[in-house]
Amino acid sequence: MDLEFNLSKDIVFFDIESTGLNVIRDRIVQIALIKYFADGREAQELEMLINPGIPISQEAMDVHGITPDKLKNKPGFKDVAQQLYDFIGDADLSGYNSDRFDVPMLMEEFSRAGIILDMSIRKSIDVQKIFYKMEPRTLQAALKLFCGKTLEDAHDALADVRATVDVLKGQIIRYKDVDHIDGDGFVTKAPIKNDMNAIHEFTHDNRLIDVTQKLKYDHKGQIVFNFGKYMGQPAAEALVRDKQYYHWILDKEFSTQVKELVKKLVKDYEAEKSNPS
């Protein structure tokens, strides 16, 4: 695009790839930055691979393809922290989903290197938020987009149900023979069709076990926690090892489904340990 940014301050667009999705425990394995200058100088780019010093999750490797062998001779974050900090300077920061992921992870990495990335002196532009705000995902917006209709009596239950029916019909028509390409370039051939089983398979995440998404299958098929201090760890083993955590889940406001799953995991794990095959 030939649009020139109207800048009163330098801005750095950046993206990171990491060992996983936990902004506190995980580490950066790749970072790329492009800096635009308010004085009109030509933009500068910086990209580097970083040795995280911890294992990379299989799920992360499946997404970005960066394996430990590619990083074994690369510098750690502490080795490049000052270079990155100097490149950013006092510029504003921008990325896609950066407020929730890239910025906090970068701040944690800088902190471990003894550097404070002060966000109070800079603006943060999360491009994803523009997309979500300008293209709302409400039922009213969907009805307008797919059916060209205005939703009357919004939040009346029956009116909402009728609108939902119309939206699905509109989606089936609009996306007939349209392939889906996800963020990693994987193609699903024409997933939206007049077939509820096919639509379910396309929209349902088979890794998630309960409706509140507290438990899921990892890449090995193990049931792991999808929240909290044991996030990503095998749930049964953690629950048996930390009985206080087990009872905390049973006593707190978790769904009945989660509580029953947790009890079954512990029961099956203890039975397997006492009767090894």
Protein backbone atom coordinates (compact mmCIF):
# COMPACT_ATOMS: atom_id res chain seq x y z
CA MET A 1 0.00 0.00 0.00
CA ASP A 2 1.26 3.54 -0.81
CA LEU A 3 -0.21 5.20 2.31
CA GLU A 4 2.34 7.20 4.28
CA PHE A 5 1.89 7.15 8.05
CA ASN A 6 1.28 10.54 9.62
CA LEU A 7 3.57 10.23 12.64
CA SER A 8 4.31 12.60 15.47
CA LYS A 9 6.55 9.97 17.06
CA ASP A 10 8.53 6.95 15.83
CA ILE A 11 6.63 3.66 15.84
CA VAL A 12 7.91 0.08 15.88
CA PHE A 13 5.79 -2.72 14.46
CA PHE A 14 6.87 -6.09 15.82
CA ASP A 15 5.97 -9.73 16.11
CA ILE A 16 7.39 -12.56 18.18
CA GLU A 17 7.39 -16.34 17.98
CA SER A 18 7.76 -18.17 21.25
CA THR A 19 8.12 -21.46 23.11
CA GLY A 20 4.42 -21.34 24.03
CA LEU A 21 1.52 -19.06 24.84
CA ASN A 22 2.17 -18.24 28.50
CA VAL A 23 3.52 -14.68 28.55
CA ILE A 24 5.17 -15.22 31.95
CA ARG A 25 6.72 -18.69 31.66
CA ASP A 26 7.41 -18.95 27.95
CA ARG A 27 10.27 -17.32 26.06
CA ILE A 28 10.87 -15.63 22.71
CA VAL A 29 12.52 -17.69 19.95
CA GLN A 30 12.21 -15.13 17.14
CA ILE A 31 11.53 -11.42 17.00
CA ALA A 32 11.08 -9.13 14.00
CA LEU A 33 10.72 -5.36 14.12
CA ILE A 34 10.15 -2.59 11.58
CA LYS A 35 10.71 0.98 12.73
CA TYR A 36 9.05 3.94 11.02
CA PHE A 37 10.46 7.38 11.76
CA ALA A 38 8.48 10.54 12.37
CA ASP A 39 11.09 12.56 10.47
CA GLY A 40 10.43 10.59 7.29
CA ARG A 41 13.65 8.57 7.22
CA GLU A 42 13.51 5.19 5.49
CA ALA A 43 12.11 2.46 7.72
CA GLN A 44 14.57 0.09 9.39
CA GLU A 45 14.11 -3.64 9.93
CA LEU A 46 15.59 -5.96 12.53
CA GLU A 47 15.03 -9.70 12.82
CA MET A 48 16.74 -12.34 14.91
CA LEU A 49 16.44 -15.89 16.23
CA ILE A 50 16.92 -16.26 19.98
CA ASN A 51 17.88 -19.28 22.07
CA PRO A 52 15.15 -19.41 24.74
CA GLY A 53 17.06 -21.58 27.20
CA ILE A 54 13.93 -23.67 27.83
CA PRO A 55 12.13 -26.36 25.79
CA ILE A 56 9.86 -25.33 22.93
CA SER A 57 6.41 -26.90 23.13
CA GLN A 58 5.44 -29.21 20.29
CA GLU A 59 2.32 -27.11 19.69
CA ALA A 60 4.48 -24.01 19.21
CA MET A 61 6.85 -25.82 16.85
CA ASP A 62 3.88 -27.04 14.82
CA VAL A 63 2.89 -23.40 14.32
CA HIS A 64 6.17 -21.61 13.63
CA GLY A 65 8.47 -24.47 12.61
CA ILE A 66 11.37 -23.21 14.73
CA THR A 67 13.10 -26.24 16.26
CA PRO A 68 15.82 -26.38 18.94
CA ASP A 69 18.51 -27.28 16.38
CA LYS A 70 17.89 -23.95 14.63
CA LEU A 71 18.56 -22.08 17.86
CA LYS A 72 21.44 -23.93 19.53
CA ASN A 73 24.08 -21.44 18.34
CA LYS A 74 21.88 -18.34 18.64
CA PRO A 75 22.21 -15.74 21.41
CA GLY A 76 20.01 -15.69 24.47
CA PHE A 77 17.66 -12.77 25.03
CA LYS A 78 19.99 -11.19 27.59
CA ASP A 79 22.70 -11.10 24.95
CA VAL A 80 20.58 -9.03 22.57
CA ALA A 81 18.35 -7.16 25.02
CA GLN A 82 20.27 -3.88 24.85
CA GLN A 83 20.38 -3.99 21.04
CA LEU A 84 16.63 -4.51 20.89
CA TYR A 85 15.97 -1.83 23.49
CA ASP A 86 18.13 0.67 21.63
CA PHE A 87 16.36 -0.15 18.36
CA ILE A 88 12.95 0.49 19.94
CA GLY A 89 14.07 3.61 21.79
CA ASP A 90 11.09 5.65 22.97
CA ALA A 91 8.97 4.66 19.96
CA ASP A 92 5.36 3.64 20.14
CA LEU A 93 4.66 -0.08 19.61
CA SER A 94 2.28 -1.86 17.27
CA GLY A 95 1.41 -5.45 16.40
CA TYR A 96 -1.44 -7.86 15.86
CA ASN A 97 -2.91 -9.07 19.15
CA SER A 98 0.13 -7.34 20.65
CA ASP A 99 -1.59 -5.94 23.74
CA ARG A 100 -2.48 -9.41 24.99
CA PHE A 101 0.58 -11.34 23.88
CA ASP A 102 3.60 -9.71 22.22
CA VAL A 103 3.92 -6.63 24.45
CA PRO A 104 3.59 -8.41 27.82
CA MET A 105 5.97 -11.20 26.73
CA LEU A 106 8.53 -8.66 25.52
CA MET A 107 8.22 -6.73 28.79
CA GLU A 108 8.87 -9.94 30.76
CA GLU A 109 11.94 -10.77 28.67
CA PHE A 110 13.36 -7.27 29.14
CA SER A 111 12.68 -7.44 32.87
CA ARG A 112 14.63 -10.70 33.18
CA ALA A 113 17.50 -8.91 31.40
CA GLY A 114 17.36 -6.06 33.91
CA ILE A 115 15.70 -3.58 31.51
CA ILE A 116 12.32 -1.90 32.03
CA LEU A 117 10.23 -1.42 28.89
CA ASP A 118 8.19 1.52 30.12
CA MET A 119 4.81 1.49 28.38
CA SER A 120 3.69 4.65 30.16
CA ILE A 121 5.86 6.74 27.81
CA ARG A 122 4.61 5.15 24.60
CA LYS A 123 1.34 4.35 22.84
CA SER A 124 0.32 0.83 21.92
CA ILE A 125 -1.50 0.21 18.63
CA ASP A 126 -3.05 -3.27 18.49
CA VAL A 127 -4.20 -3.75 14.89
CA GLN A 128 -6.43 -6.66 15.85
CA LYS A 129 -8.51 -4.35 18.04
CA ILE A 130 -9.21 -2.08 15.07
CA PHE A 131 -10.42 -5.09 13.11
CA TYR A 132 -12.68 -6.29 15.91
CA LYS A 133 -14.09 -2.85 16.64
CA MET A 134 -14.72 -1.89 13.01
CA GLU A 135 -16.05 -5.32 12.05
CA PRO A 136 -18.13 -6.23 15.10
CA ARG A 137 -19.01 -9.88 15.68
CA THR A 138 -22.48 -9.23 17.07
CA LEU A 139 -25.61 -10.97 15.85
CA GLN A 140 -26.87 -7.65 14.49
CA ALA A 141 -23.69 -7.17 12.45
CA ALA A 142 -23.80 -10.76 11.18
CA LEU A 143 -27.42 -10.40 10.06
CA LYS A 144 -26.55 -7.21 8.19
CA LEU A 145 -23.46 -8.77 6.57
CA PHE A 146 -24.88 -12.11 5.52
CA CYS A 147 -28.55 -11.30 4.98
CA GLY A 148 -28.72 -7.55 4.38
CA LYS A 149 -31.30 -7.26 7.15
CA THR A 150 -31.67 -5.10 10.24
CA LEU A 151 -32.38 -6.92 13.47
CA GLU A 152 -35.58 -5.65 15.06
CA ASP A 153 -36.27 -6.39 18.72
CA ALA A 154 -32.63 -7.20 19.45
CA HIS A 155 -32.20 -9.32 22.59
CA ASP A 156 -35.72 -10.63 22.36
CA ALA A 157 -34.99 -14.37 22.54
CA LEU A 158 -37.26 -15.47 19.68
CA ALA A 159 -36.12 -12.62 17.42
CA ASP A 160 -32.50 -13.53 18.12
CA VAL A 161 -33.11 -17.20 17.31
CA ARG A 162 -34.80 -16.33 14.03
CA ALA A 163 -31.90 -14.03 13.16
CA THR A 164 -29.40 -16.79 13.98
CA VAL A 165 -31.21 -19.16 11.60
CA ASP A 166 -31.07 -16.54 8.85
CA VAL A 167 -27.36 -15.87 9.49
CA LEU A 168 -26.44 -19.55 9.17
CA LYS A 169 -28.40 -19.81 5.93
CA GLY A 170 -26.62 -16.71 4.65
CA GLN A 171 -23.23 -18.12 5.62
CA ILE A 172 -23.91 -21.42 3.85
CA ILE A 173 -24.80 -19.53 0.70
CA ARG A 174 -21.93 -17.01 0.89
CA TYR A 175 -19.18 -19.52 1.65
CA LYS A 176 -20.28 -22.30 -0.71
CA ASP A 177 -17.14 -23.56 -2.47
CA VAL A 178 -14.93 -21.07 -0.54
CA ASP A 179 -11.74 -22.60 0.88
CA HIS A 180 -10.48 -21.62 4.33
CA ILE A 181 -6.81 -20.74 4.83
CA ASP A 182 -5.75 -20.44 8.45
CA GLY A 183 -3.02 -18.25 9.88
CA ASP A 184 -0.40 -20.93 9.24
CA GLY A 185 -1.32 -21.39 5.60
CA PHE A 186 -3.20 -24.67 6.01
CA VAL A 187 -6.09 -25.01 3.55
CA THR A 188 -9.46 -26.59 4.31
CA LYS A 189 -11.38 -27.20 1.13
CA ALA A 190 -14.86 -25.60 1.17
CA PRO A 191 -15.61 -26.31 4.86
CA ILE A 192 -18.94 -24.45 4.99
CA LYS A 193 -21.65 -26.48 3.32
CA ASN A 194 -25.26 -27.43 3.92
CA ASP A 195 -24.17 -30.25 6.21
CA MET A 196 -24.32 -29.80 9.99
CA ASN A 197 -21.77 -32.55 10.62
CA ALA A 198 -19.27 -30.82 8.35
CA ILE A 199 -19.90 -27.43 9.96
CA HIS A 200 -19.43 -28.93 13.42
CA GLU A 201 -16.11 -30.50 12.44
CA PHE A 202 -14.90 -27.18 11.04
CA THR A 203 -15.91 -25.02 14.00
CA HIS A 204 -15.29 -27.45 16.87
CA ASP A 205 -11.88 -27.65 18.55
CA ASN A 206 -11.44 -31.34 19.32
CA ARG A 207 -8.59 -30.57 21.72
CA LEU A 208 -10.98 -29.00 24.25
CA ILE A 209 -12.58 -31.43 26.68
CA ASP A 210 -15.04 -29.36 28.71
CA VAL A 211 -17.29 -26.52 27.66
CA THR A 212 -15.54 -24.03 29.94
CA GLN A 213 -12.20 -24.90 28.27
CA LYS A 214 -10.35 -25.67 31.50
CA LEU A 215 -9.03 -29.02 30.26
CA LYS A 216 -7.72 -30.04 26.86
CA TYR A 217 -5.69 -32.67 25.02
CA ASP A 218 -2.09 -31.84 24.23
CA HIS A 219 -0.23 -32.99 21.12
CA LYS A 220 0.46 -36.36 22.79
CA GLY A 221 -3.22 -36.95 23.55
CA GLN A 222 -2.75 -36.34 27.28
CA ILE A 223 -5.32 -34.36 29.25
CA VAL A 224 -3.62 -31.17 30.46
CA PHE A 225 -4.70 -28.03 32.28
CA ASN A 226 -5.69 -25.09 30.08
CA PHE A 227 -5.46 -22.53 32.91
CA GLY A 228 -3.69 -21.71 36.15
CA LYS A 229 -0.32 -22.61 37.60
CA TYR A 230 -0.29 -26.07 36.00
CA MET A 231 -1.28 -24.84 32.54
CA GLY A 232 -0.01 -27.25 29.88
CA GLN A 233 0.92 -29.92 32.45
CA PRO A 234 -0.70 -33.39 32.65
CA ALA A 235 -3.74 -32.85 34.85
CA ALA A 236 -3.97 -36.24 36.56
CA GLU A 237 -0.35 -36.23 37.69
CA ALA A 238 -0.57 -32.65 39.00
CA LEU A 239 -3.82 -33.34 40.87
CA VAL A 240 -2.45 -36.44 42.59
CA ARG A 241 0.80 -34.66 43.47
CA ASP A 242 -0.96 -31.53 44.75
CA LYS A 243 -4.06 -32.66 46.62
CA GLN A 244 -4.62 -29.12 47.90
CA TYR A 245 -5.06 -27.98 44.31
CA TYR A 246 -7.40 -30.91 43.66
CA HIS A 247 -9.64 -29.96 46.59
CA TRP A 248 -9.45 -26.29 45.62
CA ILE A 249 -10.98 -27.11 42.23
CA LEU A 250 -13.71 -29.19 43.84
CA ASP A 251 -14.55 -26.41 46.33
CA LYS A 252 -14.46 -23.41 43.96
CA GLU A 253 -16.84 -22.24 41.23
CA PHE A 254 -15.77 -24.62 38.51
CA SER A 255 -18.39 -26.32 36.38
CA THR A 256 -19.89 -29.66 37.41
CA GLN A 257 -18.39 -31.11 34.25
CA VAL A 258 -14.86 -30.03 35.25
CA LYS A 259 -15.26 -31.35 38.80
CA GLU A 260 -16.46 -34.74 37.58
CA LEU A 261 -13.62 -34.94 35.06
CA VAL A 262 -11.09 -34.04 37.74
CA LYS A 263 -12.41 -36.72 40.10
CA LYS A 264 -12.30 -39.33 37.32
CA LEU A 265 -8.76 -38.35 36.32
CA VAL A 266 -7.51 -38.81 39.89
CA LYS A 267 -9.40 -42.08 40.37
CA ASP A 268 -8.12 -43.57 37.10
CA TYR A 269 -4.55 -42.37 37.73
CA GLU A 270 -4.41 -43.85 41.24
CA ALA A 271 -5.95 -47.11 40.03
CA GLU A 272 -3.37 -47.38 37.27
CA LYS A 273 -0.52 -46.73 39.70
CA SER A 274 -1.75 -49.34 42.19
CA ASN A 275 -2.37 -51.95 39.47
CA PRO A 276 0.31 -51.48 36.80
CA SER A 277 -0.12 -53.81 33.82
